Amino acid sequence: MALSARNQLAGKVKSVVLGAVMAEVVIDIGGQDIVSTITRQSCESLDLKAGDDVRAVIKATEVLIDK
């Protein structure tokens, strides 16, 4: 599948917490964690589990910088 989003970060699923409707997926990207909240149905469709190799695809109109 090709995506137009350029911000794609390869990582490994650290944990998956399933809720009634949503799922929290923590992805380890080179020692930094990215947390994504997706629907439980999407999580189950992707069969996400700890240890899976994934890509975090970030599509945003703003990037904030703090110093």
Protein backbone atom coordinates (compact mmCIF):
# COMPACT_ATOMS: atom_id res chain seq x y z
CA MET A 1 0.00 0.00 0.00
CA ALA A 2 1.36 3.42 -0.93
CA LEU A 3 0.66 6.43 1.29
CA SER A 4 1.08 10.14 0.63
CA ALA A 5 2.03 10.79 4.27
CA ARG A 6 5.77 11.32 4.46
CA ASN A 7 6.13 11.03 8.22
CA GLN A 8 6.44 7.28 8.61
CA LEU A 9 8.38 5.95 11.60
CA ALA A 10 9.26 2.26 11.83
CA GLY A 11 9.00 0.73 15.27
CA LYS A 12 7.89 -2.19 17.39
CA VAL A 13 4.64 -2.49 19.33
CA LYS A 14 5.47 -2.26 23.02
CA SER A 15 1.96 -2.76 24.39
CA VAL A 16 -1.70 -2.90 23.44
CA VAL A 17 -4.49 -2.08 25.89
CA LEU A 18 -7.98 -2.88 24.65
CA GLY A 19 -10.94 -0.90 25.93
CA ALA A 20 -14.62 -1.36 25.19
CA VAL A 21 -14.45 0.86 22.08
CA MET A 22 -10.87 2.12 21.75
CA ALA A 23 -7.39 0.62 21.97
CA GLU A 24 -4.16 2.27 23.14
CA VAL A 25 -1.11 1.13 21.18
CA VAL A 26 2.38 2.06 22.39
CA ILE A 27 5.10 1.88 19.73
CA ASP A 28 8.83 1.97 20.52
CA ILE A 29 10.63 4.07 17.91
CA GLY A 30 14.34 3.83 18.66
CA GLY A 31 13.91 4.24 22.41
CA GLN A 32 11.11 6.82 22.17
CA ASP A 33 7.49 5.82 22.72
CA ILE A 34 4.67 6.98 20.46
CA VAL A 35 1.15 6.33 21.74
CA SER A 36 -1.74 5.93 19.33
CA THR A 37 -5.40 5.59 20.20
CA ILE A 38 -7.32 3.70 17.53
CA THR A 39 -10.64 1.91 17.46
CA ARG A 40 -10.70 -1.52 19.01
CA GLN A 41 -12.09 -2.88 15.73
CA SER A 42 -9.08 -1.51 13.80
CA CYS A 43 -6.69 -2.95 16.37
CA GLU A 44 -8.31 -6.37 16.13
CA SER A 45 -8.40 -6.21 12.31
CA LEU A 46 -4.65 -5.51 12.27
CA ASP A 47 -4.15 -8.24 14.91
CA LEU A 48 -1.78 -5.92 16.78
CA LYS A 49 0.22 -7.40 19.64
CA ALA A 50 3.42 -6.64 21.55
CA GLY A 51 6.50 -7.36 19.46
CA ASP A 52 4.90 -6.65 16.07
CA ASP A 53 6.92 -4.56 13.62
CA VAL A 54 4.79 -1.59 12.51
CA ARG A 55 5.01 1.92 11.08
CA ALA A 56 3.57 4.97 12.80
CA VAL A 57 2.20 7.18 10.02
CA ILE A 58 1.76 10.79 11.11
CA LYS A 59 -0.37 13.17 9.08
CA ALA A 60 -0.74 16.59 10.63
CA THR A 61 -1.11 20.20 9.60
CA GLU A 62 1.10 21.47 12.45
CA VAL A 63 4.36 20.45 14.06
CA LEU A 64 5.10 22.23 17.32
CA ILE A 65 8.67 22.77 18.49
CA ASP A 66 9.65 23.38 22.10
CA LYS A 67 13.08 24.48 23.30
